[in-house]
């Protein structure tokens, strides 16, 4: 009996050491917010798969290349220098499989433009997938949150 109990405990330990898909998806969103706040387009762009689909708030067309995503954020950081991103409320994460989740949440950007404070609240939905050992954004949609 004692051996059976020890075996059951040992089999459970590996699952305690690793985050599940839901936690991994949330971690990618949290990393996106932190990297956005650092205003480093390289770091932000590195969170996306090479074939990611990207709808930014100011994008007039679907962006489908890593260079396009990088340029989008480089332009955003120039337009609102010193901007900081934060989550407005906890994101909702839906697990689609062991290797794919959908994350949806509301985040905000604060900064200054022309000497005036700026506050943008944004709705965001992203598909996050596991590629090898990394969780990356495969699809990203962002839009302004309408005023209540």
C-alpha atoms as a PDB file:
ATOM      1  CA  UNK A   1       0.000   0.000   0.000  1.00  0.00           C
ATOM      2  CA  UNK A   2       2.797   2.370   0.921  1.00  0.00           C
ATOM      3  CA  UNK A   3       4.493   1.756  -2.457  1.00  0.00           C
ATOM      4  CA  UNK A   4       1.266   2.474  -4.297  1.00  0.00           C
ATOM      5  CA  UNK A   5       0.849   5.751  -2.420  1.00  0.00           C
ATOM      6  CA  UNK A   6       4.453   6.783  -3.179  1.00  0.00           C
ATOM      7  CA  UNK A   7       3.974   5.941  -6.860  1.00  0.00           C
ATOM      8  CA  UNK A   8       0.810   8.069  -6.997  1.00  0.00           C
ATOM      9  CA  UNK A   9       2.634  11.014  -5.401  1.00  0.00           C
ATOM     10  CA  UNK A  10       5.592  10.697  -7.773  1.00  0.00           C
ATOM     11  CA  UNK A  11       3.320  10.576 -10.814  1.00  0.00           C
ATOM     12  CA  UNK A  12       1.632  13.809  -9.715  1.00  0.00           C
ATOM     13  CA  UNK A  13       4.845  15.762  -9.094  1.00  0.00           C
ATOM     14  CA  UNK A  14       5.743  16.492 -12.744  1.00  0.00           C
ATOM     15  CA  UNK A  15       2.353  18.087 -13.319  1.00  0.00           C
ATOM     16  CA  UNK A  16       2.930  20.397 -10.354  1.00  0.00           C
ATOM     17  CA  UNK A  17       6.228  21.655 -11.774  1.00  0.00           C
ATOM     18  CA  UNK A  18       4.889  22.873 -15.102  1.00  0.00           C
ATOM     19  CA  UNK A  19       2.245  25.433 -15.960  1.00  0.00           C
ATOM     20  CA  UNK A  20      -0.727  24.338 -18.018  1.00  0.00           C
ATOM     21  CA  UNK A  21      -1.896  25.807 -21.282  1.00  0.00           C
ATOM     22  CA  UNK A  22      -4.165  28.313 -19.539  1.00  0.00           C
ATOM     23  CA  UNK A  23      -1.321  29.680 -17.417  1.00  0.00           C
ATOM     24  CA  UNK A  24       1.014  29.781 -20.415  1.00  0.00           C
ATOM     25  CA  UNK A  25      -1.510  31.818 -22.418  1.00  0.00           C
ATOM     26  CA  UNK A  26      -1.927  34.281 -19.544  1.00  0.00           C
ATOM     27  CA  UNK A  27       1.855  34.524 -19.215  1.00  0.00           C
ATOM     28  CA  UNK A  28       2.191  35.483 -22.895  1.00  0.00           C
ATOM     29  CA  UNK A  29      -0.382  38.281 -22.439  1.00  0.00           C
ATOM     30  CA  UNK A  30       1.410  39.491 -19.300  1.00  0.00           C
ATOM     31  CA  UNK A  31       4.743  39.435 -21.143  1.00  0.00           C
ATOM     32  CA  UNK A  32       3.183  41.390 -24.016  1.00  0.00           C
ATOM     33  CA  UNK A  33       2.085  44.112 -21.577  1.00  0.00           C
ATOM     34  CA  UNK A  34       5.532  44.279 -19.960  1.00  0.00           C
ATOM     35  CA  UNK A  35       7.356  44.329 -23.308  1.00  0.00           C
ATOM     36  CA  UNK A  36       4.986  47.009 -24.625  1.00  0.00           C
ATOM     37  CA  UNK A  37       5.797  49.140 -21.582  1.00  0.00           C
ATOM     38  CA  UNK A  38       9.512  48.756 -22.293  1.00  0.00           C
ATOM     39  CA  UNK A  39       8.870  50.214 -25.787  1.00  0.00           C
ATOM     40  CA  UNK A  40      11.138  47.647 -27.402  1.00  0.00           C
ATOM     41  CA  UNK A  41       9.690  46.641 -30.769  1.00  0.00           C
ATOM     42  CA  UNK A  42      12.142  43.725 -31.017  1.00  0.00           C
ATOM     43  CA  UNK A  43      10.886  42.203 -27.755  1.00  0.00           C
ATOM     44  CA  UNK A  44       7.222  42.695 -28.637  1.00  0.00           C
ATOM     45  CA  UNK A  45       7.627  41.301 -32.164  1.00  0.00           C
ATOM     46  CA  UNK A  46       9.455  38.246 -30.793  1.00  0.00           C
ATOM     47  CA  UNK A  47       6.222  37.177 -29.053  1.00  0.00           C
ATOM     48  CA  UNK A  48       4.563  36.432 -32.425  1.00  0.00           C
ATOM     49  CA  UNK A  49       4.818  33.390 -34.676  1.00  0.00           C
ATOM     50  CA  UNK A  50       6.458  34.047 -38.062  1.00  0.00           C
ATOM     51  CA  UNK A  51       3.058  33.502 -39.734  1.00  0.00           C
ATOM     52  CA  UNK A  52       0.979  35.491 -37.221  1.00  0.00           C
ATOM     53  CA  UNK A  53      -2.132  37.409 -38.264  1.00  0.00           C
ATOM     54  CA  UNK A  54      -2.181  40.880 -36.726  1.00  0.00           C
ATOM     55  CA  UNK A  55      -4.896  43.532 -36.495  1.00  0.00           C
ATOM     56  CA  UNK A  56      -3.546  46.523 -34.584  1.00  0.00           C
ATOM     57  CA  UNK A  57      -5.751  49.378 -33.444  1.00  0.00           C
ATOM     58  CA  UNK A  58      -4.386  51.676 -36.143  1.00  0.00           C
ATOM     59  CA  UNK A  59      -3.741  49.034 -38.811  1.00  0.00           C
ATOM     60  CA  UNK A  60      -5.769  49.638 -41.944  1.00  0.00           C
ATOM     61  CA  UNK A  61      -4.873  46.213 -43.355  1.00  0.00           C
ATOM     62  CA  UNK A  62      -4.144  42.808 -41.915  1.00  0.00           C
ATOM     63  CA  UNK A  63      -0.437  42.507 -41.084  1.00  0.00           C
ATOM     64  CA  UNK A  64       0.998  39.083 -41.894  1.00  0.00           C
ATOM     65  CA  UNK A  65       4.780  39.413 -41.644  1.00  0.00           C
ATOM     66  CA  UNK A  66       7.202  39.666 -38.712  1.00  0.00           C
ATOM     67  CA  UNK A  67       8.615  42.847 -40.272  1.00  0.00           C
ATOM     68  CA  UNK A  68       5.149  44.371 -40.472  1.00  0.00           C
ATOM     69  CA  UNK A  69       4.426  43.604 -36.820  1.00  0.00           C
ATOM     70  CA  UNK A  70       7.791  45.020 -35.785  1.00  0.00           C
ATOM     71  CA  UNK A  71       7.198  48.201 -37.787  1.00  0.00           C
ATOM     72  CA  UNK A  72       3.699  48.602 -36.338  1.00  0.00           C
ATOM     73  CA  UNK A  73       5.059  48.644 -32.786  1.00  0.00           C
ATOM     74  CA  UNK A  74       8.084  50.785 -33.680  1.00  0.00           C
ATOM     75  CA  UNK A  75       5.656  53.386 -35.062  1.00  0.00           C
ATOM     76  CA  UNK A  76       3.369  53.076 -32.021  1.00  0.00           C
ATOM     77  CA  UNK A  77       6.258  53.687 -29.631  1.00  0.00           C
ATOM     78  CA  UNK A  78       7.323  56.779 -31.602  1.00  0.00           C
ATOM     79  CA  UNK A  79       3.758  58.133 -31.614  1.00  0.00           C
ATOM     80  CA  UNK A  80       3.361  57.775 -27.840  1.00  0.00           C
ATOM     81  CA  UNK A  81       6.807  57.785 -26.236  1.00  0.00           C
ATOM     82  CA  UNK A  82       6.965  56.540 -22.668  1.00  0.00           C
ATOM     83  CA  UNK A  83       3.615  54.770 -22.942  1.00  0.00           C
ATOM     84  CA  UNK A  84       2.879  52.151 -20.308  1.00  0.00           C
ATOM     85  CA  UNK A  85       0.531  49.197 -20.672  1.00  0.00           C
ATOM     86  CA  UNK A  86      -1.437  47.460 -17.966  1.00  0.00           C
ATOM     87  CA  UNK A  87      -4.327  45.069 -17.652  1.00  0.00           C
ATOM     88  CA  UNK A  88      -7.658  46.646 -16.700  1.00  0.00           C
ATOM     89  CA  UNK A  89      -9.125  43.362 -15.496  1.00  0.00           C
ATOM     90  CA  UNK A  90      -8.043  39.741 -15.524  1.00  0.00           C
ATOM     91  CA  UNK A  91      -7.979  38.266 -19.006  1.00  0.00           C
ATOM     92  CA  UNK A  92     -10.242  35.360 -19.885  1.00  0.00           C
ATOM     93  CA  UNK A  93      -8.380  32.338 -21.193  1.00  0.00           C
ATOM     94  CA  UNK A  94     -10.038  29.464 -23.049  1.00  0.00           C
ATOM     95  CA  UNK A  95      -7.998  26.323 -23.587  1.00  0.00           C
ATOM     96  CA  UNK A  96      -8.539  24.886 -27.072  1.00  0.00           C
ATOM     97  CA  UNK A  97      -5.970  22.102 -26.723  1.00  0.00           C
ATOM     98  CA  UNK A  98      -2.718  21.339 -24.930  1.00  0.00           C
ATOM     99  CA  UNK A  99      -1.001  23.534 -27.539  1.00  0.00           C
ATOM    100  CA  UNK A 100      -3.495  26.372 -28.161  1.00  0.00           C
ATOM    101  CA  UNK A 101      -5.448  28.894 -26.116  1.00  0.00           C
ATOM    102  CA  UNK A 102      -7.469  32.033 -26.769  1.00  0.00           C
ATOM    103  CA  UNK A 103      -6.888  35.017 -24.491  1.00  0.00           C
ATOM    104  CA  UNK A 104      -9.294  37.948 -24.353  1.00  0.00           C
ATOM    105  CA  UNK A 105      -9.023  40.959 -22.124  1.00  0.00           C
ATOM    106  CA  UNK A 106      -9.085  44.687 -21.674  1.00  0.00           C
ATOM    107  CA  UNK A 107      -5.838  46.561 -21.306  1.00  0.00           C
ATOM    108  CA  UNK A 108      -4.919  50.201 -21.233  1.00  0.00           C
ATOM    109  CA  UNK A 109      -2.142  52.419 -22.453  1.00  0.00           C
ATOM    110  CA  UNK A 110      -1.226  55.545 -20.549  1.00  0.00           C
ATOM    111  CA  UNK A 111       1.185  58.190 -21.686  1.00  0.00           C
ATOM    112  CA  UNK A 112       1.510  61.759 -22.823  1.00  0.00           C
ATOM    113  CA  UNK A 113       1.094  63.380 -26.209  1.00  0.00           C
ATOM    114  CA  UNK A 114       1.625  67.068 -26.841  1.00  0.00           C
ATOM    115  CA  UNK A 115       1.918  67.687 -23.104  1.00  0.00           C
ATOM    116  CA  UNK A 116      -1.512  66.169 -22.443  1.00  0.00           C
ATOM    117  CA  UNK A 117      -2.199  62.885 -20.690  1.00  0.00           C
ATOM    118  CA  UNK A 118      -3.460  60.020 -22.836  1.00  0.00           C
ATOM    119  CA  UNK A 119      -5.486  57.044 -21.646  1.00  0.00           C
ATOM    120  CA  UNK A 120      -6.574  54.424 -24.166  1.00  0.00           C
ATOM    121  CA  UNK A 121      -8.603  51.417 -23.124  1.00  0.00           C
ATOM    122  CA  UNK A 122      -8.363  48.565 -25.589  1.00  0.00           C
ATOM    123  CA  UNK A 123     -10.057  45.229 -26.201  1.00  0.00           C
ATOM    124  CA  UNK A 124      -7.751  42.430 -27.165  1.00  0.00           C
ATOM    125  CA  UNK A 125      -8.159  38.867 -28.373  1.00  0.00           C
ATOM    126  CA  UNK A 126      -5.235  36.661 -29.208  1.00  0.00           C
ATOM    127  CA  UNK A 127      -4.648  33.062 -30.118  1.00  0.00           C
ATOM    128  CA  UNK A 128      -1.563  31.687 -28.410  1.00  0.00           C
ATOM    129  CA  UNK A 129       0.048  28.470 -29.610  1.00  0.00           C
ATOM    130  CA  UNK A 130       2.921  26.287 -28.520  1.00  0.00           C
ATOM    131  CA  UNK A 131       5.679  26.069 -31.095  1.00  0.00           C
ATOM    132  CA  UNK A 132       8.349  23.727 -29.803  1.00  0.00           C
ATOM    133  CA  UNK A 133       9.175  24.899 -26.285  1.00  0.00           C
ATOM    134  CA  UNK A 134       7.726  28.403 -26.748  1.00  0.00           C
ATOM    135  CA  UNK A 135       4.244  29.862 -26.471  1.00  0.00           C
ATOM    136  CA  UNK A 136       3.695  32.545 -29.135  1.00  0.00           C
ATOM    137  CA  UNK A 137       0.915  34.745 -30.455  1.00  0.00           C
ATOM    138  CA  UNK A 138      -0.521  33.367 -33.718  1.00  0.00           C
ATOM    139  CA  UNK A 139      -3.416  35.793 -34.071  1.00  0.00           C
ATOM    140  CA  UNK A 140      -3.884  39.235 -32.513  1.00  0.00           C
ATOM    141  CA  UNK A 141      -6.832  41.581 -32.680  1.00  0.00           C
ATOM    142  CA  UNK A 142      -6.931  44.901 -30.857  1.00  0.00           C
ATOM    143  CA  UNK A 143      -9.579  47.629 -30.912  1.00  0.00           C
ATOM    144  CA  UNK A 144     -10.557  50.652 -28.874  1.00  0.00           C
ATOM    145  CA  UNK A 145     -12.987  49.946 -26.075  1.00  0.00           C
ATOM    146  CA  UNK A 146     -16.153  51.996 -26.649  1.00  0.00           C
ATOM    147  CA  UNK A 147     -17.157  54.409 -23.907  1.00  0.00           C
ATOM    148  CA  UNK A 148     -19.951  53.017 -21.731  1.00  0.00           C
END
